[in-house]
Amino acid sequence: MADTDATGAPSRLGRLLFAGGLTVLAALNLKNLDGRIAYADAKGVPAPTKLVPAASALLLGGSLGIASWTRPKLSAGSIATFFVGVTPLMHDFWNAEDGVEDELMSFLQNLAVLGAAVSFFRRASRD
């Protein structure tokens, strides 16, 4: 399978797999906004009533942009911004008293997704 499609964009399958999971994640965040805000507040996130919806919107917009390869640098940058902001605040395994392994796993998963977003950003920068 080629790693680019006819337009020169990265593989459609790869984009859809990456973006599909993130789109669902963003939609779940927005569907349970009160719960996400409460969790962020409990984690000490400043202004969670503003930051949680904004971060979820960044993730949703970025994932839809990657899926369609529309404004891919902005889209990948939005996803990267989401994970750079969210990962150390929400999955601070170094501060966890209980569930250290769960927080570490979530932290590492987010780092992997951040790495993919950086790769998409670099690919989009070549166009």
C-alpha atoms as a PDB file:
ATOM      1  CA  MET A   1       0.000   0.000   0.000  1.00  0.00           C
ATOM      2  CA  ALA A   2       1.373   3.394  -0.931  1.00  0.00           C
ATOM      3  CA  ASP A   3       2.059   5.829   1.872  1.00  0.00           C
ATOM      4  CA  THR A   4       0.486   8.688  -0.122  1.00  0.00           C
ATOM      5  CA  ASP A   5      -2.685   8.926  -2.200  1.00  0.00           C
ATOM      6  CA  ALA A   6      -3.125  10.351  -5.691  1.00  0.00           C
ATOM      7  CA  THR A   7      -3.053  13.921  -4.336  1.00  0.00           C
ATOM      8  CA  GLY A   8       0.206  13.355  -2.484  1.00  0.00           C
ATOM      9  CA  ALA A   9      -1.549  13.318   0.893  1.00  0.00           C
ATOM     10  CA  PRO A  10      -0.609  10.594   3.362  1.00  0.00           C
ATOM     11  CA  SER A  11      -2.477   7.314   3.048  1.00  0.00           C
ATOM     12  CA  ARG A  12      -6.234   7.780   3.255  1.00  0.00           C
ATOM     13  CA  LEU A  13      -6.524   4.654   5.402  1.00  0.00           C
ATOM     14  CA  GLY A  14      -3.882   5.933   7.809  1.00  0.00           C
ATOM     15  CA  ARG A  15      -5.526   9.352   8.021  1.00  0.00           C
ATOM     16  CA  LEU A  16      -8.952   7.835   8.611  1.00  0.00           C
ATOM     17  CA  LEU A  17      -7.722   5.450  11.303  1.00  0.00           C
ATOM     18  CA  PHE A  18      -5.857   8.224  13.104  1.00  0.00           C
ATOM     19  CA  ALA A  19      -8.585  10.833  12.733  1.00  0.00           C
ATOM     20  CA  GLY A  20     -11.479   8.452  13.329  1.00  0.00           C
ATOM     21  CA  GLY A  21     -10.356   7.540  16.810  1.00  0.00           C
ATOM     22  CA  LEU A  22      -9.672  11.163  17.692  1.00  0.00           C
ATOM     23  CA  THR A  23     -13.034  12.294  16.309  1.00  0.00           C
ATOM     24  CA  VAL A  24     -14.822   9.789  18.533  1.00  0.00           C
ATOM     25  CA  LEU A  25     -12.716  10.874  21.516  1.00  0.00           C
ATOM     26  CA  ALA A  26     -13.580  14.532  20.915  1.00  0.00           C
ATOM     27  CA  ALA A  27     -17.277  13.711  20.460  1.00  0.00           C
ATOM     28  CA  LEU A  28     -17.307  11.736  23.719  1.00  0.00           C
ATOM     29  CA  ASN A  29     -15.637  14.661  25.493  1.00  0.00           C
ATOM     30  CA  LEU A  30     -18.295  17.027  24.171  1.00  0.00           C
ATOM     31  CA  LYS A  31     -21.145  14.603  24.923  1.00  0.00           C
ATOM     32  CA  ASN A  32     -20.050  14.312  28.560  1.00  0.00           C
ATOM     33  CA  LEU A  33     -18.813  17.867  28.941  1.00  0.00           C
ATOM     34  CA  ASP A  34     -19.943  18.280  32.542  1.00  0.00           C
ATOM     35  CA  GLY A  35     -18.136  15.107  33.564  1.00  0.00           C
ATOM     36  CA  ARG A  36     -14.969  16.075  31.668  1.00  0.00           C
ATOM     37  CA  ILE A  37     -15.026  19.540  33.227  1.00  0.00           C
ATOM     38  CA  ALA A  38     -15.445  18.060  36.709  1.00  0.00           C
ATOM     39  CA  TYR A  39     -12.549  15.657  36.116  1.00  0.00           C
ATOM     40  CA  ALA A  40     -10.323  18.451  34.802  1.00  0.00           C
ATOM     41  CA  ASP A  41     -11.263  20.588  37.793  1.00  0.00           C
ATOM     42  CA  ALA A  42     -10.332  17.745  40.134  1.00  0.00           C
ATOM     43  CA  LYS A  43      -6.963  17.505  38.377  1.00  0.00           C
ATOM     44  CA  GLY A  44      -6.344  21.216  38.996  1.00  0.00           C
ATOM     45  CA  VAL A  45      -6.786  22.396  35.407  1.00  0.00           C
ATOM     46  CA  PRO A  46      -7.250  26.178  35.413  1.00  0.00           C
ATOM     47  CA  ALA A  47     -10.562  27.495  34.008  1.00  0.00           C
ATOM     48  CA  PRO A  48     -11.854  24.034  33.101  1.00  0.00           C
ATOM     49  CA  THR A  49     -15.264  25.350  31.987  1.00  0.00           C
ATOM     50  CA  LYS A  50     -13.480  27.206  29.191  1.00  0.00           C
ATOM     51  CA  LEU A  51     -10.474  24.997  28.505  1.00  0.00           C
ATOM     52  CA  VAL A  52     -12.221  21.629  28.271  1.00  0.00           C
ATOM     53  CA  PRO A  53     -14.659  22.672  25.508  1.00  0.00           C
ATOM     54  CA  ALA A  54     -11.894  24.591  23.716  1.00  0.00           C
ATOM     55  CA  ALA A  55      -9.512  21.643  23.871  1.00  0.00           C
ATOM     56  CA  SER A  56     -12.221  19.254  22.670  1.00  0.00           C
ATOM     57  CA  ALA A  57     -12.999  21.602  19.775  1.00  0.00           C
ATOM     58  CA  LEU A  58      -9.285  21.694  18.861  1.00  0.00           C
ATOM     59  CA  LEU A  59      -9.236  17.924  18.792  1.00  0.00           C
ATOM     60  CA  LEU A  60     -12.453  17.634  16.790  1.00  0.00           C
ATOM     61  CA  GLY A  61     -11.482  20.249  14.210  1.00  0.00           C
ATOM     62  CA  GLY A  62      -7.979  18.860  13.873  1.00  0.00           C
ATOM     63  CA  SER A  63      -9.140  15.300  13.425  1.00  0.00           C
ATOM     64  CA  LEU A  64     -11.699  16.228  10.776  1.00  0.00           C
ATOM     65  CA  GLY A  65      -9.033  18.235   8.966  1.00  0.00           C
ATOM     66  CA  ILE A  66      -6.583  15.338   8.970  1.00  0.00           C
ATOM     67  CA  ALA A  67      -9.255  12.934   7.731  1.00  0.00           C
ATOM     68  CA  SER A  68     -10.055  15.188   4.775  1.00  0.00           C
ATOM     69  CA  TRP A  69      -6.504  16.568   4.445  1.00  0.00           C
ATOM     70  CA  THR A  70      -7.987  20.069   4.639  1.00  0.00           C
ATOM     71  CA  ARG A  71      -5.555  22.646   6.055  1.00  0.00           C
ATOM     72  CA  PRO A  72      -3.388  19.760   7.257  1.00  0.00           C
ATOM     73  CA  LYS A  73      -0.742  21.864   9.027  1.00  0.00           C
ATOM     74  CA  LEU A  74      -3.387  23.682  11.055  1.00  0.00           C
ATOM     75  CA  SER A  75      -5.207  20.403  11.680  1.00  0.00           C
ATOM     76  CA  ALA A  76      -2.125  18.514  12.846  1.00  0.00           C
ATOM     77  CA  GLY A  77      -1.068  21.528  14.906  1.00  0.00           C
ATOM     78  CA  SER A  78      -4.475  21.572  16.605  1.00  0.00           C
ATOM     79  CA  ILE A  79      -4.159  17.909  17.536  1.00  0.00           C
ATOM     80  CA  ALA A  80      -0.591  18.397  18.771  1.00  0.00           C
ATOM     81  CA  THR A  81      -1.672  21.418  20.831  1.00  0.00           C
ATOM     82  CA  PHE A  82      -4.432  19.352  22.415  1.00  0.00           C
ATOM     83  CA  PHE A  83      -2.034  16.585  23.452  1.00  0.00           C
ATOM     84  CA  VAL A  84       0.758  18.921  24.585  1.00  0.00           C
ATOM     85  CA  GLY A  85      -1.712  20.712  26.857  1.00  0.00           C
ATOM     86  CA  VAL A  86      -3.768  17.780  28.064  1.00  0.00           C
ATOM     87  CA  THR A  87      -1.208  15.032  28.575  1.00  0.00           C
ATOM     88  CA  PRO A  88       0.891  16.447  31.438  1.00  0.00           C
ATOM     89  CA  LEU A  89      -2.135  17.917  33.232  1.00  0.00           C
ATOM     90  CA  MET A  90      -4.516  14.990  33.018  1.00  0.00           C
ATOM     91  CA  HIS A  91      -2.094  12.065  33.101  1.00  0.00           C
ATOM     92  CA  ASP A  92       0.489  13.230  35.636  1.00  0.00           C
ATOM     93  CA  PHE A  93       1.522   9.757  36.751  1.00  0.00           C
ATOM     94  CA  TRP A  94       4.409  11.258  38.736  1.00  0.00           C
ATOM     95  CA  ASN A  95       1.850  12.819  41.124  1.00  0.00           C
ATOM     96  CA  ALA A  96      -0.545   9.858  41.305  1.00  0.00           C
ATOM     97  CA  GLU A  97      -0.961   8.084  44.602  1.00  0.00           C
ATOM     98  CA  ASP A  98      -3.317   5.467  43.188  1.00  0.00           C
ATOM     99  CA  GLY A  99      -3.512   4.238  39.622  1.00  0.00           C
ATOM    100  CA  VAL A 100       0.057   5.154  38.699  1.00  0.00           C
ATOM    101  CA  GLU A 101       0.191   2.462  36.020  1.00  0.00           C
ATOM    102  CA  ASP A 102      -3.106   3.609  34.475  1.00  0.00           C
ATOM    103  CA  GLU A 103      -1.925   7.223  34.340  1.00  0.00           C
ATOM    104  CA  LEU A 104       1.444   6.158  32.923  1.00  0.00           C
ATOM    105  CA  MET A 105      -0.291   4.080  30.237  1.00  0.00           C
ATOM    106  CA  SER A 106      -2.538   7.004  29.273  1.00  0.00           C
ATOM    107  CA  PHE A 107       0.462   9.353  29.265  1.00  0.00           C
ATOM    108  CA  LEU A 108       2.424   7.050  26.949  1.00  0.00           C
ATOM    109  CA  GLN A 109      -0.558   6.510  24.645  1.00  0.00           C
ATOM    110  CA  ASN A 110      -0.964  10.268  24.346  1.00  0.00           C
ATOM    111  CA  LEU A 111       2.743  10.637  23.561  1.00  0.00           C
ATOM    112  CA  ALA A 112       2.349   8.122  20.736  1.00  0.00           C
ATOM    113  CA  VAL A 113      -0.594  10.047  19.284  1.00  0.00           C
ATOM    114  CA  LEU A 114       1.339  13.301  19.679  1.00  0.00           C
ATOM    115  CA  GLY A 115       4.171  11.730  17.696  1.00  0.00           C
ATOM    116  CA  ALA A 116       1.777  10.838  14.901  1.00  0.00           C
ATOM    117  CA  ALA A 117       0.401  14.396  14.876  1.00  0.00           C
ATOM    118  CA  VAL A 118       3.945  15.745  14.586  1.00  0.00           C
ATOM    119  CA  SER A 119       4.552  13.370  11.675  1.00  0.00           C
ATOM    120  CA  PHE A 120       1.401  14.582   9.915  1.00  0.00           C
ATOM    121  CA  PHE A 121       2.487  18.182  10.531  1.00  0.00           C
ATOM    122  CA  ARG A 122       5.900  17.530   8.997  1.00  0.00           C
ATOM    123  CA  ARG A 123       4.320  15.799   6.009  1.00  0.00           C
ATOM    124  CA  ALA A 124       1.911  18.697   5.500  1.00  0.00           C
ATOM    125  CA  SER A 125       4.829  21.138   5.715  1.00  0.00           C
ATOM    126  CA  ARG A 126       6.358  19.543   2.619  1.00  0.00           C
ATOM    127  CA  ASP A 127       3.344  20.443   0.451  1.00  0.00           C
END
